[in-house]
N, C-alpha and C. Protein backbone atom coordinates (compact mmCIF):
# COMPACT_ATOMS: atom_id res chain seq x y z
N MET A 1 -9.84 45.72 76.87
CA MET A 1 -9.79 46.64 75.80
C MET A 1 -10.32 45.96 74.55
N GLU A 2 -11.13 46.69 73.89
CA GLU A 2 -11.73 46.17 72.66
C GLU A 2 -10.86 46.51 71.49
N SER A 3 -10.76 45.53 70.61
CA SER A 3 -9.97 45.75 69.40
C SER A 3 -10.92 46.01 68.24
N THR A 4 -10.66 47.04 67.57
CA THR A 4 -11.46 47.36 66.39
C THR A 4 -10.58 47.30 65.15
N ARG A 5 -11.23 47.37 64.06
CA ARG A 5 -10.52 47.32 62.79
C ARG A 5 -9.58 48.51 62.67
N GLU A 6 -9.99 49.65 63.19
CA GLU A 6 -9.17 50.84 63.10
C GLU A 6 -7.93 50.72 63.96
N ASP A 7 -8.07 50.08 65.13
CA ASP A 7 -6.92 49.91 66.00
C ASP A 7 -5.87 49.04 65.32
N THR A 8 -6.30 48.02 64.61
CA THR A 8 -5.36 47.13 63.93
C THR A 8 -4.63 47.89 62.84
N ALA A 9 -5.31 48.72 62.12
CA ALA A 9 -4.69 49.48 61.04
C ALA A 9 -3.66 50.43 61.62
N GLU A 10 -3.94 51.00 62.82
CA GLU A 10 -2.98 51.90 63.42
C GLU A 10 -1.75 51.16 63.87
N ASP A 11 -1.93 49.93 64.35
CA ASP A 11 -0.80 49.14 64.81
C ASP A 11 0.14 48.81 63.65
N LEU A 12 -0.36 48.71 62.43
CA LEU A 12 0.47 48.37 61.27
C LEU A 12 1.13 49.58 60.65
N GLY A 13 0.90 50.70 61.18
CA GLY A 13 1.57 51.88 60.67
C GLY A 13 0.66 52.76 59.86
N SER A 14 -0.60 52.78 60.14
CA SER A 14 -1.62 53.61 59.53
C SER A 14 -1.76 53.43 58.01
N ARG A 15 -1.24 52.37 57.48
CA ARG A 15 -1.40 52.07 56.07
C ARG A 15 -2.52 51.07 55.90
N PRO A 16 -3.48 51.35 55.03
CA PRO A 16 -4.52 50.35 54.82
C PRO A 16 -3.94 49.17 54.04
N PRO A 17 -4.47 47.98 54.24
CA PRO A 17 -3.93 46.82 53.49
C PRO A 17 -4.10 47.04 51.99
N SER A 18 -3.04 46.75 51.23
CA SER A 18 -3.09 46.97 49.78
C SER A 18 -3.41 45.67 49.05
N ARG A 19 -4.03 45.85 47.91
CA ARG A 19 -4.32 44.69 47.06
C ARG A 19 -3.21 44.59 46.03
N SER A 20 -2.61 43.44 45.95
CA SER A 20 -1.51 43.24 45.01
C SER A 20 -2.06 43.04 43.60
N LYS A 21 -1.42 43.67 42.62
CA LYS A 21 -1.83 43.52 41.23
C LYS A 21 -0.89 42.57 40.49
N ARG A 22 -0.17 41.79 41.21
CA ARG A 22 0.74 40.81 40.60
C ARG A 22 -0.06 39.64 40.06
N VAL A 23 0.47 39.05 38.99
CA VAL A 23 -0.16 37.88 38.39
C VAL A 23 0.19 36.67 39.25
N PRO A 24 -0.81 35.86 39.60
CA PRO A 24 -0.50 34.68 40.42
C PRO A 24 0.38 33.69 39.66
N ARG A 25 1.04 32.82 40.40
CA ARG A 25 1.97 31.86 39.79
C ARG A 25 1.27 30.96 38.77
N TRP A 26 0.08 30.54 39.02
CA TRP A 26 -0.63 29.66 38.09
C TRP A 26 -0.90 30.39 36.77
N GLY A 27 -1.02 31.70 36.82
CA GLY A 27 -1.22 32.49 35.60
C GLY A 27 0.01 32.45 34.70
N TRP A 28 1.19 32.55 35.31
CA TRP A 28 2.44 32.45 34.54
C TRP A 28 2.60 31.05 33.96
N ALA A 29 2.25 30.05 34.73
CA ALA A 29 2.35 28.67 34.25
C ALA A 29 1.40 28.45 33.07
N LEU A 30 0.20 29.01 33.16
CA LEU A 30 -0.77 28.89 32.07
C LEU A 30 -0.26 29.61 30.83
N LEU A 31 0.28 30.80 31.01
CA LEU A 31 0.83 31.56 29.87
C LEU A 31 1.99 30.81 29.22
N LEU A 32 2.86 30.23 30.01
CA LEU A 32 3.98 29.44 29.48
C LEU A 32 3.48 28.21 28.74
N ALA A 33 2.49 27.51 29.26
CA ALA A 33 1.94 26.33 28.60
C ALA A 33 1.30 26.69 27.26
N VAL A 34 0.57 27.78 27.21
CA VAL A 34 -0.05 28.23 25.95
C VAL A 34 1.03 28.59 24.94
N GLY A 35 2.07 29.27 25.38
CA GLY A 35 3.18 29.63 24.49
C GLY A 35 3.86 28.41 23.90
N TRP A 36 4.18 27.42 24.73
CA TRP A 36 4.81 26.19 24.25
C TRP A 36 3.89 25.44 23.29
N THR A 37 2.60 25.43 23.58
CA THR A 37 1.65 24.76 22.69
C THR A 37 1.62 25.43 21.32
N LEU A 38 1.60 26.75 21.29
CA LEU A 38 1.62 27.46 20.01
C LEU A 38 2.92 27.23 19.26
N LEU A 39 4.04 27.25 19.95
CA LEU A 39 5.33 27.00 19.31
C LEU A 39 5.40 25.58 18.75
N LEU A 40 5.00 24.61 19.52
CA LEU A 40 5.01 23.22 19.08
C LEU A 40 4.03 23.01 17.92
N GLY A 41 2.86 23.60 18.01
CA GLY A 41 1.87 23.48 16.93
C GLY A 41 2.38 24.07 15.64
N SER A 42 3.04 25.22 15.70
CA SER A 42 3.57 25.82 14.48
C SER A 42 4.69 24.98 13.89
N ALA A 43 5.48 24.32 14.72
CA ALA A 43 6.55 23.45 14.21
C ALA A 43 5.97 22.20 13.56
N LEU A 44 4.92 21.64 14.13
CA LEU A 44 4.35 20.41 13.60
C LEU A 44 3.50 20.64 12.35
N LEU A 45 3.01 21.82 12.15
CA LEU A 45 2.16 22.09 11.01
C LEU A 45 2.95 22.46 9.75
N ARG A 46 4.26 22.59 9.87
CA ARG A 46 5.08 22.88 8.70
C ARG A 46 5.17 21.66 7.81
N PRO A 47 5.41 21.83 6.51
CA PRO A 47 5.60 20.67 5.63
C PRO A 47 6.81 19.87 6.09
N GLY A 48 6.66 18.56 6.12
CA GLY A 48 7.70 17.69 6.65
C GLY A 48 8.76 17.29 5.65
N GLY A 49 8.50 17.44 4.36
CA GLY A 49 9.50 17.06 3.37
C GLY A 49 9.35 15.62 2.93
N ARG A 50 10.41 15.09 2.33
CA ARG A 50 10.38 13.75 1.76
C ARG A 50 10.48 12.68 2.84
N ILE A 51 9.94 11.50 2.54
CA ILE A 51 10.05 10.36 3.42
C ILE A 51 10.87 9.29 2.74
N HIS A 52 11.24 8.27 3.47
CA HIS A 52 12.11 7.22 2.95
C HIS A 52 11.56 6.57 1.68
N ALA A 53 10.28 6.34 1.59
CA ALA A 53 9.69 5.67 0.43
C ALA A 53 9.73 6.55 -0.82
N ASP A 54 9.99 7.86 -0.67
CA ASP A 54 10.06 8.74 -1.83
C ASP A 54 11.41 8.69 -2.53
N VAL A 55 12.41 8.13 -1.88
CA VAL A 55 13.76 8.17 -2.41
C VAL A 55 14.04 6.89 -3.20
N THR A 56 14.50 7.06 -4.42
CA THR A 56 14.86 5.91 -5.23
C THR A 56 16.37 5.82 -5.34
N GLU A 57 16.85 4.67 -5.64
CA GLU A 57 18.29 4.46 -5.73
C GLU A 57 18.68 4.26 -7.19
N HIS A 58 19.40 5.21 -7.75
CA HIS A 58 19.93 5.14 -9.12
C HIS A 58 18.87 5.00 -10.19
N ALA A 59 17.66 5.39 -9.96
CA ALA A 59 16.61 5.22 -10.97
C ALA A 59 15.53 6.26 -10.79
N THR A 60 14.85 6.52 -11.87
CA THR A 60 13.69 7.40 -11.77
C THR A 60 12.55 6.59 -11.18
N SER A 61 11.63 7.28 -10.53
CA SER A 61 10.50 6.55 -9.97
C SER A 61 9.60 6.08 -11.10
N GLY A 62 9.01 4.94 -10.93
CA GLY A 62 8.20 4.35 -11.98
C GLY A 62 6.82 4.02 -11.51
N THR A 63 6.22 3.12 -12.21
CA THR A 63 4.86 2.73 -11.90
C THR A 63 4.83 1.35 -11.24
N VAL A 64 3.72 1.08 -10.60
CA VAL A 64 3.53 -0.24 -10.00
C VAL A 64 3.10 -1.18 -11.12
N LEU A 65 3.75 -2.32 -11.20
CA LEU A 65 3.42 -3.31 -12.22
C LEU A 65 2.23 -4.15 -11.77
N PRO A 66 1.64 -4.92 -12.68
CA PRO A 66 0.51 -5.78 -12.28
C PRO A 66 0.93 -6.80 -11.22
N PRO A 67 -0.01 -7.30 -10.44
CA PRO A 67 0.34 -8.29 -9.41
C PRO A 67 0.88 -9.57 -10.02
N LEU A 68 1.79 -10.20 -9.27
CA LEU A 68 2.31 -11.51 -9.66
C LEU A 68 1.36 -12.61 -9.19
N TYR A 69 1.19 -13.62 -10.00
CA TYR A 69 0.40 -14.79 -9.66
C TYR A 69 1.27 -16.02 -9.81
N PRO A 70 0.93 -17.15 -9.18
CA PRO A 70 1.72 -18.37 -9.31
C PRO A 70 1.92 -18.74 -10.79
N GLY A 71 3.15 -19.06 -11.12
CA GLY A 71 3.49 -19.44 -12.49
C GLY A 71 3.77 -18.25 -13.40
N MET A 72 3.59 -17.05 -12.91
CA MET A 72 3.80 -15.84 -13.69
C MET A 72 5.15 -15.23 -13.33
N SER A 73 5.77 -14.51 -14.28
CA SER A 73 7.03 -13.83 -13.99
C SER A 73 7.01 -12.44 -14.61
N LEU A 74 7.79 -11.56 -14.03
CA LEU A 74 8.00 -10.21 -14.56
C LEU A 74 9.48 -10.05 -14.83
N GLU A 75 9.82 -9.33 -15.92
CA GLU A 75 11.22 -9.13 -16.28
C GLU A 75 11.52 -7.65 -16.41
N GLN A 76 12.74 -7.28 -16.05
CA GLN A 76 13.23 -5.92 -16.22
C GLN A 76 14.61 -6.01 -16.86
N ARG A 77 14.75 -5.41 -18.02
CA ARG A 77 16.05 -5.36 -18.70
C ARG A 77 16.78 -4.10 -18.24
N PHE A 78 18.09 -4.23 -18.08
CA PHE A 78 18.90 -3.07 -17.70
C PHE A 78 20.32 -3.27 -18.21
N VAL A 79 21.06 -2.18 -18.28
CA VAL A 79 22.45 -2.20 -18.70
C VAL A 79 23.29 -1.79 -17.50
N ALA A 80 24.29 -2.59 -17.19
CA ALA A 80 25.17 -2.27 -16.06
C ALA A 80 25.99 -1.04 -16.43
N GLY A 81 25.94 -0.03 -15.61
CA GLY A 81 26.64 1.22 -15.89
C GLY A 81 28.07 1.23 -15.42
N ALA A 82 28.45 0.26 -14.60
CA ALA A 82 29.81 0.21 -14.07
C ALA A 82 30.26 -1.24 -14.05
N ASP A 83 31.57 -1.42 -14.03
CA ASP A 83 32.13 -2.75 -13.98
C ASP A 83 31.98 -3.33 -12.57
N GLY A 84 31.83 -4.63 -12.47
CA GLY A 84 31.75 -5.27 -11.17
C GLY A 84 30.34 -5.37 -10.61
N LEU A 85 29.35 -5.56 -11.48
CA LEU A 85 27.97 -5.72 -11.01
C LEU A 85 27.92 -6.81 -9.94
N SER A 86 27.40 -6.47 -8.75
CA SER A 86 27.39 -7.45 -7.66
C SER A 86 26.01 -7.61 -7.00
N SER A 87 25.08 -6.73 -7.29
CA SER A 87 23.73 -6.90 -6.73
C SER A 87 22.73 -6.12 -7.58
N VAL A 88 21.48 -6.54 -7.46
CA VAL A 88 20.37 -5.86 -8.11
C VAL A 88 19.30 -5.67 -7.04
N THR A 89 18.88 -4.42 -6.86
CA THR A 89 17.87 -4.13 -5.84
C THR A 89 16.51 -3.94 -6.49
N VAL A 90 15.47 -4.29 -5.75
CA VAL A 90 14.10 -4.24 -6.23
C VAL A 90 13.23 -3.65 -5.12
N ARG A 91 12.18 -2.93 -5.54
CA ARG A 91 11.19 -2.43 -4.58
C ARG A 91 9.90 -3.21 -4.83
N PHE A 92 9.47 -3.97 -3.83
CA PHE A 92 8.24 -4.76 -3.93
C PHE A 92 7.09 -4.00 -3.29
N GLY A 93 5.91 -4.22 -3.80
CA GLY A 93 4.69 -3.69 -3.20
C GLY A 93 3.89 -4.84 -2.61
N LEU A 94 3.66 -4.80 -1.30
CA LEU A 94 2.96 -5.88 -0.61
C LEU A 94 1.57 -5.46 -0.17
N TYR A 95 1.15 -4.27 -0.54
CA TYR A 95 -0.18 -3.78 -0.17
C TYR A 95 -0.37 -3.78 1.35
N ALA A 96 0.70 -3.46 2.07
CA ALA A 96 0.69 -3.36 3.54
C ALA A 96 0.30 -4.68 4.22
N ARG A 97 0.66 -5.80 3.60
CA ARG A 97 0.37 -7.11 4.19
C ARG A 97 1.66 -7.93 4.26
N ARG A 98 1.60 -9.07 4.86
CA ARG A 98 2.70 -10.03 4.92
C ARG A 98 2.25 -11.31 4.23
N PRO A 99 2.35 -11.38 2.91
CA PRO A 99 1.87 -12.58 2.22
C PRO A 99 2.77 -13.79 2.46
N THR A 100 2.20 -14.96 2.31
CA THR A 100 2.98 -16.19 2.37
C THR A 100 3.11 -16.70 0.94
N CYS A 101 4.31 -16.63 0.41
CA CYS A 101 4.60 -17.11 -0.94
C CYS A 101 6.11 -17.22 -1.09
N GLN A 102 6.54 -17.67 -2.23
CA GLN A 102 7.95 -17.83 -2.52
C GLN A 102 8.22 -17.21 -3.89
N LEU A 103 9.22 -16.35 -3.96
CA LEU A 103 9.64 -15.75 -5.23
C LEU A 103 11.02 -16.26 -5.60
N VAL A 104 11.26 -16.38 -6.89
CA VAL A 104 12.59 -16.74 -7.39
C VAL A 104 13.07 -15.61 -8.27
N ALA A 105 14.24 -15.06 -7.94
CA ALA A 105 14.86 -14.00 -8.73
C ALA A 105 16.01 -14.60 -9.52
N THR A 106 16.04 -14.31 -10.82
CA THR A 106 17.10 -14.83 -11.69
C THR A 106 17.73 -13.67 -12.44
N LEU A 107 19.05 -13.60 -12.40
CA LEU A 107 19.80 -12.61 -13.17
C LEU A 107 20.33 -13.32 -14.41
N ILE A 108 19.94 -12.82 -15.58
CA ILE A 108 20.28 -13.47 -16.84
C ILE A 108 21.18 -12.54 -17.65
N ALA A 109 22.29 -13.07 -18.15
CA ALA A 109 23.23 -12.30 -18.97
C ALA A 109 22.68 -12.17 -20.39
N ALA A 110 23.32 -11.34 -21.20
CA ALA A 110 22.87 -11.09 -22.58
C ALA A 110 22.92 -12.35 -23.43
N ASP A 111 23.82 -13.29 -23.10
CA ASP A 111 23.92 -14.53 -23.89
C ASP A 111 22.90 -15.58 -23.44
N GLY A 112 22.04 -15.25 -22.46
CA GLY A 112 20.98 -16.16 -22.03
C GLY A 112 21.32 -17.04 -20.85
N ARG A 113 22.56 -17.02 -20.39
CA ARG A 113 22.93 -17.86 -19.24
C ARG A 113 22.51 -17.20 -17.93
N ALA A 114 22.12 -18.02 -16.98
CA ALA A 114 21.74 -17.53 -15.66
C ALA A 114 23.01 -17.21 -14.86
N VAL A 115 23.16 -15.97 -14.49
CA VAL A 115 24.32 -15.54 -13.72
C VAL A 115 24.13 -15.90 -12.25
N ALA A 116 22.91 -15.71 -11.75
CA ALA A 116 22.61 -16.01 -10.35
C ALA A 116 21.11 -16.25 -10.19
N VAL A 117 20.78 -17.09 -9.20
CA VAL A 117 19.39 -17.38 -8.86
C VAL A 117 19.27 -17.27 -7.34
N SER A 118 18.22 -16.61 -6.88
CA SER A 118 17.99 -16.53 -5.43
C SER A 118 16.51 -16.74 -5.13
N SER A 119 16.25 -17.23 -3.93
CA SER A 119 14.90 -17.49 -3.48
C SER A 119 14.54 -16.46 -2.42
N LEU A 120 13.36 -15.86 -2.56
CA LEU A 120 12.92 -14.83 -1.63
C LEU A 120 11.59 -15.22 -0.99
N PRO A 121 11.58 -15.54 0.30
CA PRO A 121 10.29 -15.75 0.97
C PRO A 121 9.56 -14.41 1.10
N CYS A 122 8.33 -14.36 0.67
CA CYS A 122 7.57 -13.11 0.69
C CYS A 122 7.43 -12.53 2.09
N SER A 123 7.39 -13.38 3.10
CA SER A 123 7.23 -12.89 4.47
C SER A 123 8.45 -12.10 4.95
N ASP A 124 9.60 -12.26 4.26
CA ASP A 124 10.82 -11.53 4.64
C ASP A 124 10.98 -10.22 3.86
N ILE A 125 10.09 -9.93 2.95
CA ILE A 125 10.23 -8.76 2.08
C ILE A 125 9.52 -7.56 2.73
N PRO A 126 10.23 -6.44 2.91
CA PRO A 126 9.57 -5.24 3.44
C PRO A 126 8.75 -4.56 2.34
N ASP A 127 7.66 -3.91 2.74
CA ASP A 127 6.78 -3.24 1.79
C ASP A 127 7.38 -1.91 1.34
N SER A 128 7.47 -1.71 0.04
CA SER A 128 7.87 -0.44 -0.58
C SER A 128 9.26 0.03 -0.20
N GLN A 129 10.16 -0.88 0.06
CA GLN A 129 11.55 -0.52 0.35
C GLN A 129 12.46 -1.31 -0.57
N LEU A 130 13.58 -0.70 -0.93
CA LEU A 130 14.54 -1.39 -1.78
C LEU A 130 15.22 -2.51 -1.01
N ILE A 131 15.28 -3.68 -1.64
CA ILE A 131 16.01 -4.81 -1.05
C ILE A 131 16.82 -5.47 -2.15
N PRO A 132 17.92 -6.11 -1.81
CA PRO A 132 18.68 -6.82 -2.84
C PRO A 132 17.95 -8.11 -3.23
N ALA A 133 17.59 -8.21 -4.50
CA ALA A 133 16.95 -9.43 -5.00
C ALA A 133 18.01 -10.44 -5.41
N ILE A 134 19.15 -9.94 -5.86
CA ILE A 134 20.27 -10.79 -6.30
C ILE A 134 21.55 -10.22 -5.71
N ILE A 135 22.36 -11.08 -5.13
CA ILE A 135 23.71 -10.71 -4.68
C ILE A 135 24.66 -11.75 -5.26
N VAL A 136 25.65 -11.29 -6.01
CA VAL A 136 26.61 -12.19 -6.65
C VAL A 136 28.01 -11.64 -6.44
N ALA A 137 28.99 -12.48 -6.74
CA ALA A 137 30.37 -12.00 -6.76
C ALA A 137 30.47 -10.96 -7.87
N PRO A 138 31.29 -9.93 -7.69
CA PRO A 138 31.40 -8.90 -8.72
C PRO A 138 31.68 -9.51 -10.10
N GLN A 139 30.89 -9.08 -11.07
CA GLN A 139 31.00 -9.60 -12.44
C GLN A 139 32.00 -8.76 -13.23
N PRO A 140 33.16 -9.35 -13.57
CA PRO A 140 34.14 -8.58 -14.34
C PRO A 140 33.60 -8.30 -15.75
N GLY A 141 33.91 -7.14 -16.27
CA GLY A 141 33.50 -6.78 -17.62
C GLY A 141 32.02 -6.55 -17.77
N SER A 142 31.31 -6.21 -16.69
CA SER A 142 29.86 -6.04 -16.78
C SER A 142 29.45 -4.66 -17.25
N ALA A 143 30.35 -3.68 -17.24
CA ALA A 143 30.00 -2.33 -17.67
C ALA A 143 29.51 -2.35 -19.12
N GLY A 144 28.34 -1.76 -19.34
CA GLY A 144 27.78 -1.68 -20.69
C GLY A 144 27.07 -2.95 -21.15
N GLN A 145 27.08 -4.00 -20.34
CA GLN A 145 26.44 -5.26 -20.71
C GLN A 145 24.96 -5.24 -20.30
N GLN A 146 24.14 -5.85 -21.16
CA GLN A 146 22.71 -5.93 -20.86
C GLN A 146 22.42 -7.16 -20.02
N PHE A 147 21.56 -6.99 -19.02
CA PHE A 147 21.12 -8.08 -18.15
C PHE A 147 19.61 -8.05 -18.08
N VAL A 148 19.04 -9.16 -17.65
CA VAL A 148 17.61 -9.26 -17.41
C VAL A 148 17.42 -9.77 -15.99
N LEU A 149 16.57 -9.09 -15.24
CA LEU A 149 16.18 -9.58 -13.92
C LEU A 149 14.78 -10.16 -14.07
N ARG A 150 14.63 -11.44 -13.75
CA ARG A 150 13.33 -12.10 -13.83
C ARG A 150 12.89 -12.46 -12.42
N ILE A 151 11.68 -12.05 -12.06
CA ILE A 151 11.09 -12.39 -10.76
C ILE A 151 9.88 -13.26 -11.04
N ALA A 152 9.86 -14.47 -10.46
CA ALA A 152 8.75 -15.41 -10.68
C ALA A 152 8.19 -15.86 -9.35
N MET A 153 6.87 -16.08 -9.31
CA MET A 153 6.22 -16.61 -8.12
C MET A 153 6.04 -18.11 -8.32
N THR A 154 6.54 -18.87 -7.35
CA THR A 154 6.51 -20.33 -7.50
C THR A 154 5.41 -21.01 -6.70
N THR A 155 4.89 -20.35 -5.69
CA THR A 155 3.85 -20.96 -4.85
C THR A 155 2.64 -20.05 -4.76
N ASP A 156 1.53 -20.61 -4.32
CA ASP A 156 0.33 -19.79 -4.14
C ASP A 156 0.59 -18.71 -3.10
N ALA A 157 0.01 -17.55 -3.32
CA ALA A 157 0.18 -16.43 -2.41
C ALA A 157 -1.10 -16.20 -1.61
N SER A 158 -0.92 -15.85 -0.36
CA SER A 158 -2.08 -15.52 0.46
C SER A 158 -2.60 -14.12 0.13
N ASP A 159 -1.74 -13.26 -0.37
CA ASP A 159 -2.09 -11.89 -0.74
C ASP A 159 -1.29 -11.51 -1.99
N PRO A 160 -1.75 -10.50 -2.72
CA PRO A 160 -1.01 -10.11 -3.93
C PRO A 160 0.33 -9.47 -3.60
N ILE A 161 1.21 -9.50 -4.56
CA ILE A 161 2.52 -8.87 -4.46
C ILE A 161 2.86 -8.33 -5.84
N THR A 162 3.56 -7.22 -5.88
CA THR A 162 3.92 -6.61 -7.15
C THR A 162 5.30 -5.98 -7.04
N LEU A 163 5.77 -5.42 -8.13
CA LEU A 163 7.06 -4.75 -8.18
C LEU A 163 6.84 -3.34 -8.69
N PHE A 164 7.77 -2.46 -8.35
CA PHE A 164 7.79 -1.12 -8.93
C PHE A 164 8.74 -1.19 -10.12
N GLY A 165 8.28 -0.80 -11.28
CA GLY A 165 9.10 -0.81 -12.48
C GLY A 165 9.57 0.58 -12.84
N THR A 166 10.60 0.64 -13.64
CA THR A 166 11.09 1.94 -14.13
C THR A 166 10.93 1.96 -15.64
N PRO A 167 10.54 3.09 -16.17
CA PRO A 167 10.38 3.18 -17.62
C PRO A 167 11.75 3.20 -18.30
N PRO A 168 11.82 2.74 -19.56
CA PRO A 168 13.08 2.82 -20.29
C PRO A 168 13.45 4.28 -20.50
N THR A 169 14.74 4.57 -20.43
CA THR A 169 15.22 5.92 -20.64
C THR A 169 16.36 5.90 -21.64
N ALA A 170 16.68 7.07 -22.20
CA ALA A 170 17.80 7.17 -23.12
C ALA A 170 19.11 7.07 -22.37
N THR A 171 19.13 7.53 -21.14
CA THR A 171 20.33 7.42 -20.32
C THR A 171 20.12 6.28 -19.33
N VAL A 172 21.09 5.45 -19.23
CA VAL A 172 20.99 4.28 -18.37
C VAL A 172 21.53 4.62 -17.00
N PRO A 173 20.74 4.38 -15.93
CA PRO A 173 21.27 4.65 -14.59
C PRO A 173 22.36 3.66 -14.23
N ALA A 174 23.25 4.07 -13.34
CA ALA A 174 24.32 3.18 -12.90
C ALA A 174 23.72 1.99 -12.19
N ALA A 175 24.21 0.80 -12.48
CA ALA A 175 23.70 -0.41 -11.84
C ALA A 175 24.46 -0.71 -10.58
């Protein structure tokens, strides 16, 4: 007996084979991937907000001071806003390098005496982040007292280094 196409169709119940209009699985996967890409792209293109380097501690943002050279020093006068002054933080600018040099930080009281002296290897200083330049035992009676922070470079530097300064204001930030 010969089998023909018509005989096969009759054996299946006289229904011609239908073409499915369903979307193949790879189509759904492609649609899902495009959707996730659009969602992720819209999230990444939003403004990100402030970064760590934009935040200052107890001070208004200031300008970058001129670079320090060997034998040169920069000074910043400030008034302690609270009793018990125990540290002074500074933001250094290293121009995205790791210079080899040595800095000396000196905290000077209003009467001219050195309250504390510290040595800072430039290779240990992070770029554009606040670090403690001076750490001392809490100074009793320091509220309202004027101090001077002096930063001096004692050795030749392989690369420039600078400080971020704050302009004088009528209101003194807490120290």
